PDB file of N, CA and C in Angstrom:
ATOM      1  N   MET A   1       0.798  -1.454   0.382  1.00  0.00           N
ATOM      2  CA  MET A   1      -0.090  -0.072   0.356  1.00  0.00           C
ATOM      3  C   MET A   1       0.327   1.327  -0.106  1.00  0.00           C
ATOM      4  N   SER A   2       0.868   2.169  -0.848  1.00  0.00           N
ATOM      5  CA  SER A   2       1.123   3.212  -0.934  1.00  0.00           C
ATOM      6  C   SER A   2       1.232   4.301   0.192  1.00  0.00           C
ATOM      7  N   GLU A   3       2.226   5.372   0.285  1.00  0.00           N
ATOM      8  CA  GLU A   3       1.257   6.562   1.150  1.00  0.00           C
ATOM      9  C   GLU A   3       0.141   7.341   0.349  1.00  0.00           C
ATOM     10  N   GLU A   4      -0.391   8.122   1.544  1.00  0.00           N
ATOM     11  CA  GLU A   4      -0.914   9.120   0.626  1.00  0.00           C
ATOM     12  C   GLU A   4      -0.591  10.206   0.227  1.00  0.00           C
ATOM     13  N   GLU A   5      -0.583  10.390  -0.836  1.00  0.00           N
ATOM     14  CA  GLU A   5       0.038  12.015  -1.718  1.00  0.00           C
ATOM     15  C   GLU A   5      -0.467  12.920  -0.243  1.00  0.00           C
ATOM     16  N   PRO A   6       0.693  13.785  -0.032  1.00  0.00           N
ATOM     17  CA  PRO A   6       0.714  15.051   0.801  1.00  0.00           C
ATOM     18  C   PRO A   6      -0.262  16.237   0.252  1.00  0.00           C
ATOM     19  N   TYR A   7      -0.928  16.909   0.864  1.00  0.00           N
ATOM     20  CA  TYR A   7      -1.513  18.264   0.160  1.00  0.00           C
ATOM     21  C   TYR A   7      -0.842  19.601   0.082  1.00  0.00           C
ATOM     22  N   VAL A   8      -0.656  19.903  -0.786  1.00  0.00           N
ATOM     23  CA  VAL A   8       0.308  21.442  -0.898  1.00  0.00           C
ATOM     24  C   VAL A   8      -0.252  22.448  -0.762  1.00  0.00           C
ATOM     25  N   ILE A   9       0.000  23.205   0.547  1.00  0.00           N
ATOM     26  CA  ILE A   9      -0.573  24.329   1.040  1.00  0.00           C
ATOM     27  C   ILE A   9      -0.208  25.764   0.521  1.00  0.00           C
ATOM     28  N   PRO A  10      -1.379  26.212  -0.754  1.00  0.00           N
ATOM     29  CA  PRO A  10      -0.556  27.347  -0.928  1.00  0.00           C
ATOM     30  C   PRO A  10      -0.591  28.556   0.068  1.00  0.00           C
ATOM     31  N   ALA A  11       0.223  29.600  -0.706  1.00  0.00           N
ATOM     32  CA  ALA A  11       0.912  30.478  -0.072  1.00  0.00           C
ATOM     33  C   ALA A  11       0.087  31.655   0.247  1.00  0.00           C
ATOM     34  N   ALA A  12      -1.359  31.478  -0.838  1.00  0.00           N
ATOM     35  CA  ALA A  12      -2.393  32.205  -0.334  1.00  0.00           C
ATOM     36  C   ALA A  12      -3.355  31.913   0.561  1.00  0.00           C
ATOM     37  N   VAL A  13      -3.573  32.965   1.447  1.00  0.00           N
ATOM     38  CA  VAL A  13      -4.949  32.461   2.058  1.00  0.00           C
ATOM     39  C   VAL A  13      -6.126  33.599   1.641  1.00  0.00           C
ATOM     40  N   MET A  14      -7.123  32.507   1.928  1.00  0.00           N
ATOM     41  CA  MET A  14      -8.351  33.415   2.158  1.00  0.00           C
ATOM     42  C   MET A  14      -9.580  32.954   3.306  1.00  0.00           C
ATOM     43  N   ASN A  15     -10.174  34.141   3.533  1.00  0.00           N
ATOM     44  CA  ASN A  15     -10.800  34.564   4.683  1.00  0.00           C
ATOM     45  C   ASN A  15     -12.098  34.161   3.984  1.00  0.00           C
ATOM     46  N   VAL A  16     -13.110  34.023   4.949  1.00  0.00           N
ATOM     47  CA  VAL A  16     -14.743  33.594   5.418  1.00  0.00           C
ATOM     48  C   VAL A  16     -14.955  34.661   4.037  1.00  0.00           C
ATOM     49  N   GLU A  17     -15.072  35.679   4.194  1.00  0.00           N
ATOM     50  CA  GLU A  17     -15.427  37.007   3.647  1.00  0.00           C
ATOM     51  C   GLU A  17     -14.729  37.016   2.210  1.00  0.00           C
ATOM     52  N   GLU A  18     -13.829  36.827   2.266  1.00  0.00           N
ATOM     53  CA  GLU A  18     -13.388  36.905   0.829  1.00  0.00           C
ATOM     54  C   GLU A  18     -13.853  35.523   0.120  1.00  0.00           C
ATOM     55  N   PHE A  19     -14.075  34.401   0.536  1.00  0.00           N
ATOM     56  CA  PHE A  19     -14.630  33.361   0.037  1.00  0.00           C
ATOM     57  C   PHE A  19     -16.222  33.991  -0.488  1.00  0.00           C
ATOM     58  N   GLU A  20     -16.802  34.312   0.375  1.00  0.00           N
ATOM     59  CA  GLU A  20     -18.019  34.642   0.216  1.00  0.00           C
ATOM     60  C   GLU A  20     -18.018  35.413  -0.672  1.00  0.00           C
ATOM     61  N   ARG A  21     -17.427  36.571  -0.459  1.00  0.00           N
ATOM     62  CA  ARG A  21     -17.462  37.672  -1.817  1.00  0.00           C
ATOM     63  C   ARG A  21     -17.084  37.123  -3.029  1.00  0.00           C
ATOM     64  N   ARG A  22     -16.453  36.106  -3.456  1.00  0.00           N
ATOM     65  CA  ARG A  22     -15.598  35.289  -4.539  1.00  0.00           C
ATOM     66  C   ARG A  22     -17.286  34.487  -4.736  1.00  0.00           C
ATOM     67  N   MET A  23     -17.743  33.798  -3.863  1.00  0.00           N
ATOM     68  CA  MET A  23     -18.816  32.756  -4.506  1.00  0.00           C
ATOM     69  C   MET A  23     -19.690  34.234  -5.033  1.00  0.00           C
ATOM     70  N   HIS A  24     -20.565  34.792  -4.615  1.00  0.00           N
ATOM     71  CA  HIS A  24     -21.158  35.202  -4.910  1.00  0.00           C
ATOM     72  C   HIS A  24     -21.115  36.378  -5.873  1.00  0.00           C
ATOM     73  N   ALA A  25     -20.152  36.392  -6.989  1.00  0.00           N
ATOM     74  CA  ALA A  25     -19.341  36.955  -8.100  1.00  0.00           C
ATOM     75  C   ALA A  25     -19.281  35.824  -9.241  1.00  0.00           C
ATOM     76  N   GLY A  26     -19.476  34.502  -8.655  1.00  0.00           N
ATOM     77  CA  GLY A  26     -19.503  33.515  -9.900  1.00  0.00           C
ATOM     78  C   GLY A  26     -18.591  32.456  -9.623  1.00  0.00           C
ATOM     79  N   GLU A  27     -17.683  32.523  -9.193  1.00  0.00           N
ATOM     80  CA  GLU A  27     -16.886  31.989  -8.980  1.00  0.00           C
ATOM     81  C   GLU A  27     -17.413  30.366  -8.564  1.00  0.00           C
ATOM     82  N   MET A  28     -16.806  29.380  -8.517  1.00  0.00           N
ATOM     83  CA  MET A  28     -16.818  27.821  -8.578  1.00  0.00           C
ATOM     84  C   MET A  28     -16.171  27.469  -7.401  1.00  0.00           C
ATOM     85  N   LEU A  29     -15.831  27.472  -6.025  1.00  0.00           N
ATOM     86  CA  LEU A  29     -15.006  27.337  -5.180  1.00  0.00           C
ATOM     87  C   LEU A  29     -15.581  26.515  -4.066  1.00  0.00           C
ATOM     88  N   MET A  30     -15.012  25.165  -3.507  1.00  0.00           N
ATOM     89  CA  MET A  30     -15.023  24.577  -2.328  1.00  0.00           C
ATOM     90  C   MET A  30     -14.085  24.641  -1.303  1.00  0.00           C
ATOM     91  N   ILE A  31     -14.423  23.694  -0.318  1.00  0.00           N
ATOM     92  CA  ILE A  31     -13.137  23.459   0.750  1.00  0.00           C
ATOM     93  C   ILE A  31     -13.338  22.177   0.553  1.00  0.00           C
ATOM     94  N   LEU A  32     -11.995  21.611   1.111  1.00  0.00           N
ATOM     95  CA  LEU A  32     -11.493  20.586   1.337  1.00  0.00           C
ATOM     96  C   LEU A  32     -10.082  20.905   2.415  1.00  0.00           C
ATOM     97  N   ASP A  33     -10.714  20.617   3.815  1.00  0.00           N
ATOM     98  CA  ASP A  33      -9.976  20.254   4.583  1.00  0.00           C
ATOM     99  C   ASP A  33      -9.767  21.672   4.958  1.00  0.00           C
ATOM    100  N   ASP A  34      -8.171  22.599   4.479  1.00  0.00           N
ATOM    101  CA  ASP A  34      -8.209  24.164   5.276  1.00  0.00           C
ATOM    102  C   ASP A  34      -7.745  24.375   3.590  1.00  0.00           C
ATOM    103  N   LEU A  35      -8.046  23.576   2.713  1.00  0.00           N
ATOM    104  CA  LEU A  35      -7.850  24.185   1.278  1.00  0.00           C
ATOM    105  C   LEU A  35      -9.455  24.734   0.627  1.00  0.00           C
ATOM    106  N   VAL A  36      -8.995  25.772  -0.450  1.00  0.00           N
ATOM    107  CA  VAL A  36     -10.058  26.314  -1.248  1.00  0.00           C
ATOM    108  C   VAL A  36      -9.737  26.011  -2.528  1.00  0.00           C
ATOM    109  N   LEU A  37     -10.587  25.090  -2.939  1.00  0.00           N
ATOM    110  CA  LEU A  37     -10.342  24.603  -4.195  1.00  0.00           C
ATOM    111  C   LEU A  37     -11.033  25.550  -5.672  1.00  0.00           C
ATOM    112  N   ASP A  38     -10.947  25.764  -6.500  1.00  0.00           N
ATOM    113  CA  ASP A  38     -11.088  26.191  -7.565  1.00  0.00           C
ATOM    114  C   ASP A  38     -11.898  25.040  -8.644  1.00  0.00           C
ATOM    115  N   VAL A  39     -13.118  24.668  -8.940  1.00  0.00           N
ATOM    116  CA  VAL A  39     -13.820  23.648  -9.402  1.00  0.00           C
ATOM    117  C   VAL A  39     -14.285  24.126 -10.777  1.00  0.00           C
ATOM    118  N   SER A  40     -13.731  25.751 -11.307  1.00  0.00           N
ATOM    119  CA  SER A  40     -14.746  25.758 -12.225  1.00  0.00           C
ATOM    120  C   SER A  40     -14.235  25.360 -13.518  1.00  0.00           C
ATOM    121  N   GLU A  41     -13.471  24.745 -13.693  1.00  0.00           N
ATOM    122  CA  GLU A  41     -12.980  23.896 -14.806  1.00  0.00           C
ATOM    123  C   GLU A  41     -13.344  22.397 -14.602  1.00  0.00           C
ATOM    124  N   PHE A  42     -12.519  21.716 -13.205  1.00  0.00           N
ATOM    125  CA  PHE A  42     -12.746  20.271 -12.678  1.00  0.00           C
ATOM    126  C   PHE A  42     -14.144  19.892 -13.133  1.00  0.00           C
ATOM    127  N   TYR A  43     -14.998  20.566 -12.665  1.00  0.00           N
ATOM    128  CA  TYR A  43     -16.494  19.872 -13.034  1.00  0.00           C
ATOM    129  C   TYR A  43     -16.666  19.231 -13.668  1.00  0.00           C
ATOM    130  N   LYS A  44     -15.820  19.711 -14.907  1.00  0.00           N
ATOM    131  CA  LYS A  44     -16.764  19.397 -16.187  1.00  0.00           C
ATOM    132  C   LYS A  44     -16.310  18.243 -16.407  1.00  0.00           C
ATOM    133  N   VAL A  45     -15.232  17.572 -15.501  1.00  0.00           N
ATOM    134  CA  VAL A  45     -14.348  15.975 -16.269  1.00  0.00           C
ATOM    135  C   VAL A  45     -14.532  15.538 -14.863  1.00  0.00           C
ATOM    136  N   HIS A  46     -15.565  15.491 -14.004  1.00  0.00           N
ATOM    137  CA  HIS A  46     -15.530  14.762 -12.353  1.00  0.00           C
ATOM    138  C   HIS A  46     -15.555  13.551 -13.142  1.00  0.00           C
ATOM    139  N   PRO A  47     -15.360  12.692 -12.519  1.00  0.00           N
ATOM    140  CA  PRO A  47     -15.384  11.290 -12.953  1.00  0.00           C
ATOM    141  C   PRO A  47     -16.600  10.568 -12.051  1.00  0.00           C
ATOM    142  N   GLY A  48     -17.139  11.598 -11.394  1.00  0.00           N
ATOM    143  CA  GLY A  48     -17.928  11.336 -10.785  1.00  0.00           C
ATOM    144  C   GLY A  48     -19.651  11.748 -11.096  1.00  0.00           C
ATOM    145  N   GLY A  49     -19.287  12.827 -12.312  1.00  0.00           N
ATOM    146  CA  GLY A  49     -20.379  13.416 -12.586  1.00  0.00           C
ATOM    147  C   GLY A  49     -20.341  15.212 -12.452  1.00  0.00           C
ATOM    148  N   LYS A  50     -20.493  16.115 -12.671  1.00  0.00           N
ATOM    149  CA  LYS A  50     -21.098  17.232 -12.919  1.00  0.00           C
ATOM    150  C   LYS A  50     -22.184  17.501 -11.480  1.00  0.00           C
ATOM    151  N   PHE A  51     -23.075  16.385 -11.412  1.00  0.00           N
ATOM    152  CA  PHE A  51     -24.114  16.863 -10.612  1.00  0.00           C
ATOM    153  C   PHE A  51     -23.112  16.964  -9.118  1.00  0.00           C
ATOM    154  N   VAL A  52     -22.338  15.844  -8.956  1.00  0.00           N
ATOM    155  CA  VAL A  52     -21.901  16.193  -7.637  1.00  0.00           C
ATOM    156  C   VAL A  52     -21.158  17.759  -6.920  1.00  0.00           C
ATOM    157  N   ILE A  53     -20.351  17.629  -8.063  1.00  0.00           N
ATOM    158  CA  ILE A  53     -19.868  19.116  -7.767  1.00  0.00           C
ATOM    159  C   ILE A  53     -20.915  20.275  -7.820  1.00  0.00           C
ATOM    160  N   GLU A  54     -21.535  20.374  -8.512  1.00  0.00           N
ATOM    161  CA  GLU A  54     -22.796  21.212  -8.944  1.00  0.00           C
ATOM    162  C   GLU A  54     -23.172  21.344  -7.735  1.00  0.00           C
ATOM    163  N   HIS A  55     -23.661  20.688  -6.602  1.00  0.00           N
ATOM    164  CA  HIS A  55     -24.438  20.221  -5.390  1.00  0.00           C
ATOM    165  C   HIS A  55     -23.516  20.818  -4.422  1.00  0.00           C
ATOM    166  N   THR A  56     -22.252  20.899  -4.670  1.00  0.00           N
ATOM    167  CA  THR A  56     -21.167  20.630  -2.999  1.00  0.00           C
ATOM    168  C   THR A  56     -20.564  22.328  -3.527  1.00  0.00           C
ATOM    169  N   ILE A  57     -21.116  22.670  -4.074  1.00  0.00           N
ATOM    170  CA  ILE A  57     -20.310  24.227  -4.692  1.00  0.00           C
ATOM    171  C   ILE A  57     -20.524  25.301  -3.386  1.00  0.00           C
ATOM    172  N   GLY A  58     -19.086  25.536  -2.293  1.00  0.00           N
ATOM    173  CA  GLY A  58     -19.488  26.517  -1.272  1.00  0.00           C
ATOM    174  C   GLY A  58     -19.450  26.061   0.003  1.00  0.00           C
ATOM    175  N   THR A  59     -19.018  24.708  -0.133  1.00  0.00           N
ATOM    176  CA  THR A  59     -19.036  23.623   1.027  1.00  0.00           C
ATOM    177  C   THR A  59     -17.798  23.095   0.995  1.00  0.00           C
ATOM    178  N   ASP A  60     -17.697  22.335   2.778  1.00  0.00           N
ATOM    179  CA  ASP A  60     -16.541  21.585   2.781  1.00  0.00           C
ATOM    180  C   ASP A  60     -16.816  20.766   1.971  1.00  0.00           C
ATOM    181  N   ILE A  61     -16.134  19.681   1.562  1.00  0.00           N
ATOM    182  CA  ILE A  61     -16.522  18.563   0.723  1.00  0.00           C
ATOM    183  C   ILE A  61     -15.543  17.487   1.453  1.00  0.00           C
ATOM    184  N   ALA A  62     -14.893  17.431   2.855  1.00  0.00           N
ATOM    185  CA  ALA A  62     -14.625  16.348   3.541  1.00  0.00           C
ATOM    186  C   ALA A  62     -15.488  15.425   3.415  1.00  0.00           C
ATOM    187  N   LYS A  63     -16.667  15.261   3.942  1.00  0.00           N
ATOM    188  CA  LYS A  63     -16.776  14.170   4.444  1.00  0.00           C
ATOM    189  C   LYS A  63     -16.818  13.523   2.656  1.00  0.00           C
ATOM    190  N   PHE A  64     -17.510  13.801   1.674  1.00  0.00           N
ATOM    191  CA  PHE A  64     -17.637  13.143   0.607  1.00  0.00           C
ATOM    192  C   PHE A  64     -16.401  12.659   0.277  1.00  0.00           C
ATOM    193  N   PHE A  65     -15.266  13.682  -0.284  1.00  0.00           N
ATOM    194  CA  PHE A  65     -13.699  13.465  -0.360  1.00  0.00           C
ATOM    195  C   PHE A  65     -13.029  11.891   0.287  1.00  0.00           C
ATOM    196  N   TYR A  66     -13.948  11.697   1.783  1.00  0.00           N
ATOM    197  CA  TYR A  66     -13.148  10.488   2.516  1.00  0.00           C
ATOM    198  C   TYR A  66     -14.209   9.314   2.466  1.00  0.00           C
ATOM    199  N   GLY A  67     -15.070   9.544   1.694  1.00  0.00           N
ATOM    200  CA  GLY A  67     -16.028   8.372   1.715  1.00  0.00           C
ATOM    201  C   GLY A  67     -16.958   8.377   2.688  1.00  0.00           C
ATOM    202  N   GLY A  68     -17.687   9.428   3.498  1.00  0.00           N
ATOM    203  CA  GLY A  68     -18.001   9.028   4.822  1.00  0.00           C
ATOM    204  C   GLY A  68     -19.522   9.547   4.781  1.00  0.00           C
ATOM    205  N   TYR A  69     -19.778  10.009   2.886  1.00  0.00           N
ATOM    206  CA  TYR A  69     -21.444  10.034   2.669  1.00  0.00           C
ATOM    207  C   TYR A  69     -21.642  10.414   1.494  1.00  0.00           C
ATOM    208  N   SER A  70     -22.729  10.095   0.632  1.00  0.00           N
ATOM    209  CA  SER A  70     -23.127  10.066  -0.474  1.00  0.00           C
ATOM    210  C   SER A  70     -24.292  10.793  -0.545  1.00  0.00           C
ATOM    211  N   LEU A  71     -24.177  12.116  -1.432  1.00  0.00           N
ATOM    212  CA  LEU A  71     -25.267  12.416  -2.331  1.00  0.00           C
ATOM    213  C   LEU A  71     -26.521  11.455  -2.820  1.00  0.00           C
ATOM    214  N   GLU A  72     -26.272  10.430  -2.902  1.00  0.00           N
ATOM    215  CA  GLU A  72     -27.397   9.720  -3.634  1.00  0.00           C
ATOM    216  C   GLU A  72     -27.802   9.028  -2.651  1.00  0.00           C
ATOM    217  N   ASP A  73     -28.877   8.204  -3.007  1.00  0.00           N
ATOM    218  CA  ASP A  73     -29.585   7.669  -1.981  1.00  0.00           C
ATOM    219  C   ASP A  73     -29.428   7.285  -0.952  1.00  0.00           C
ATOM    220  N   ASN A  74     -29.345   8.422   0.106  1.00  0.00           N
ATOM    221  CA  ASN A  74     -29.425   8.483   1.679  1.00  0.00           C
ATOM    222  C   ASN A  74     -30.658   8.365   1.956  1.00  0.00           C
ATOM    223  N   MET A  75     -31.639   8.222   1.484  1.00  0.00           N
ATOM    224  CA  MET A  75     -33.463   8.147   1.517  1.00  0.00           C
ATOM    225  C   MET A  75     -33.297   7.108   1.787  1.00  0.00           C
ATOM    226  N   LEU A  76     -32.562   6.229   1.887  1.00  0.00           N
ATOM    227  CA  LEU A  76     -33.332   4.637   2.132  1.00  0.00           C
ATOM    228  C   LEU A  76     -32.596   4.356   3.547  1.00  0.00           C
ATOM    229  N   SER A  77     -33.250   2.912   3.804  1.00  0.00           N
ATOM    230  CA  SER A  77     -33.132   2.382   5.331  1.00  0.00           C
ATOM    231  C   SER A  77     -31.894   2.597   5.803  1.00  0.00           C
ATOM    232  N   THR A  78     -31.270   1.785   4.834  1.00  0.00           N
ATOM    233  CA  THR A  78     -29.424   1.874   4.662  1.00  0.00           C
ATOM    234  C   THR A  78     -28.920   2.568   4.163  1.00  0.00           C
ATOM    235  N   PRO A  79     -28.356   3.884   4.621  1.00  0.00           N
ATOM    236  CA  PRO A  79     -27.867   4.939   4.046  1.00  0.00           C
ATOM    237  C   PRO A  79     -26.854   4.341   2.917  1.00  0.00           C
ATOM    238  N   ALA A  80     -26.118   4.877   1.927  1.00  0.00           N
ATOM    239  CA  ALA A  80     -25.360   4.890   0.854  1.00  0.00           C
ATOM    240  C   ALA A  80     -24.074   5.266   1.361  1.00  0.00           C
ATOM    241  N   PHE A  81     -23.154   5.094   1.602  1.00  0.00           N
ATOM    242  CA  PHE A  81     -21.775   5.478   2.037  1.00  0.00           C
ATOM    243  C   PHE A  81     -21.209   5.851   0.703  1.00  0.00           C
ATOM    244  N   GLY A  82     -20.158   7.265   0.681  1.00  0.00           N
ATOM    245  CA  GLY A  82     -19.216   7.535  -0.346  1.00  0.00           C
ATOM    246  C   GLY A  82     -18.246   6.556  -1.234  1.00  0.00           C
ATOM    247  N   PHE A  83     -17.592   7.259  -1.670  1.00  0.00           N
ATOM    248  CA  PHE A  83     -16.570   6.353  -2.191  1.00  0.00           C
ATOM    249  C   PHE A  83     -15.026   7.304  -1.522  1.00  0.00           C
ATOM    250  N   ARG A  84     -14.269   6.682  -1.552  1.00  0.00           N
ATOM    251  CA  ARG A  84     -12.922   7.199  -0.888  1.00  0.00           C
ATOM    252  C   ARG A  84     -12.183   7.846  -2.115  1.00  0.00           C
ATOM    253  N   HIS A  85     -11.929   8.791  -1.983  1.00  0.00           N
ATOM    254  CA  HIS A  85     -10.911   9.360  -3.071  1.00  0.00           C
ATOM    255  C   HIS A  85      -9.492   8.602  -3.134  1.00  0.00           C
ATOM    256  N   SER A  86      -9.173   8.894  -4.050  1.00  0.00           N
ATOM    257  CA  SER A  86      -7.461   7.656  -4.474  1.00  0.00           C
ATOM    258  C   SER A  86      -6.505   9.239  -4.196  1.00  0.00           C
ATOM    259  N   ASN A  87      -5.304   8.345  -4.472  1.00  0.00           N
ATOM    260  CA  ASN A  87      -4.155   9.475  -4.337  1.00  0.00           C
ATOM    261  C   ASN A  87      -4.094  10.148  -5.348  1.00  0.00           C
ATOM    262  N   TYR A  88      -4.920   9.714  -6.890  1.00  0.00           N
ATOM    263  CA  TYR A  88      -4.250  10.831  -7.545  1.00  0.00           C
ATOM    264  C   TYR A  88      -5.397  11.745  -7.223  1.00  0.00           C
ATOM    265  N   ALA A  89      -6.907  11.311  -6.663  1.00  0.00           N
ATOM    266  CA  ALA A  89      -7.575  12.802  -6.677  1.00  0.00           C
ATOM    267  C   ALA A  89      -6.733  13.791  -5.568  1.00  0.00           C
ATOM    268  N   ARG A  90      -6.186  13.273  -4.424  1.00  0.00           N
ATOM    269  CA  ARG A  90      -5.486  14.170  -3.937  1.00  0.00           C
ATOM    270  C   ARG A  90      -4.384  14.849  -4.588  1.00  0.00           C
ATOM    271  N   MET A  91      -3.719  14.237  -5.540  1.00  0.00           N
ATOM    272  CA  MET A  91      -2.958  15.447  -7.078  1.00  0.00           C
ATOM    273  C   MET A  91      -3.778  16.060  -7.290  1.00  0.00           C
ATOM    274  N   ILE A  92      -5.127  15.925  -7.805  1.00  0.00           N
ATOM    275  CA  ILE A  92      -5.440  16.561  -8.399  1.00  0.00           C
ATOM    276  C   ILE A  92      -6.126  18.177  -7.341  1.00  0.00           C
ATOM    277  N   ALA A  93      -6.802  17.497  -6.248  1.00  0.00           N
ATOM    278  CA  ALA A  93      -6.763  18.837  -5.465  1.00  0.00           C
ATOM    279  C   ALA A  93      -5.769  19.713  -5.424  1.00  0.00           C
ATOM    280  N   ASN A  94      -4.705  19.611  -5.163  1.00  0.00           N
ATOM    281  CA  ASN A  94      -3.532  19.691  -5.379  1.00  0.00           C
ATOM    282  C   ASN A  94      -3.256  21.215  -6.165  1.00  0.00           C
ATOM    283  N   ASP A  95      -3.708  20.358  -7.833  1.00  0.00           N
ATOM    284  CA  ASP A  95      -3.448  21.491  -8.707  1.00  0.00           C
ATOM    285  C   ASP A  95      -4.165  22.462  -8.792  1.00  0.00           C
ATOM    286  N   ILE A  96      -5.548  21.872  -8.295  1.00  0.00           N
ATOM    287  CA  ILE A  96      -6.362  23.153  -8.607  1.00  0.00           C
ATOM    288  C   ILE A  96      -7.001  23.849  -6.783  1.00  0.00           C
ATOM    289  N   ALA A  97      -5.777  23.635  -5.948  1.00  0.00           N
ATOM    290  CA  ALA A  97      -5.993  24.239  -4.841  1.00  0.00           C
ATOM    291  C   ALA A  97      -5.698  26.019  -5.105  1.00  0.00           C
ATOM    292  N   ILE A  98      -6.300  26.337  -4.632  1.00  0.00           N
ATOM    293  CA  ILE A  98      -5.886  28.304  -5.094  1.00  0.00           C
ATOM    294  C   ILE A  98      -5.601  29.212  -3.405  1.00  0.00           C
ATOM    295  N   ALA A  99      -5.644  28.464  -2.311  1.00  0.00           N
ATOM    296  CA  ALA A  99      -5.908  29.228  -1.298  1.00  0.00           C
ATOM    297  C   ALA A  99      -5.718  27.771  -0.032  1.00  0.00           C
ATOM    298  N   ARG A 100      -4.919  28.760   0.839  1.00  0.00           N
ATOM    299  CA  ARG A 100      -5.394  27.782   2.486  1.00  0.00           C
ATOM    300  C   ARG A 100      -6.891  28.568   3.186  1.00  0.00           C
ATOM    301  N   PHE A 101      -7.409  28.200   3.339  1.00  0.00           N
ATOM    302  CA  PHE A 101      -8.739  28.409   4.189  1.00  0.00           C
ATOM    303  C   PHE A 101      -8.748  29.131   5.631  1.00  0.00           C
ATOM    304  N   ASP A 102      -9.238  30.005   5.990  1.00  0.00           N
ATOM    305  CA  ASP A 102      -8.648  30.786   7.178  1.00  0.00           C
ATOM    306  C   ASP A 102     -10.744  31.202   8.049  1.00  0.00           C
ATOM    307  N   CYS A 103     -10.941  30.310   8.608  1.00  0.00           N
ATOM    308  CA  CYS A 103     -11.990  30.190   9.032  1.00  0.00           C
ATOM    309  C   CYS A 103     -11.819  31.180  10.361  1.00  0.00           C
ATOM    310  N   SER A 104     -10.903  32.015  10.428  1.00  0.00           N
ATOM    311  CA  SER A 104     -10.917  32.852  11.998  1.00  0.00           C
ATOM    312  C   SER A 104     -11.083  34.005  11.653  1.00  0.00           C
TER     313      SER A 104
END
């Protein structure tokens, strides 16, 4: 088993106000742990489809990324569980990370 690809933390920092302002201006941003991801191009090629990205814009996607939750079939008596993303997905996250999120 290979080690997980470490996240590369961008030098830029984005606070809550800037995140919300940029979202209001139409940017397609989401948060993964403390990374701000710009998914404006990636959502078109996301292997799970555009739906997943479009419905999580502006949110922290950690619960989806690490496989703890799924958008689909959660109204069933036995909830569906998500897909734990690969090291390749972590590399993509590194490529589309634009800032470190500062929620303080």
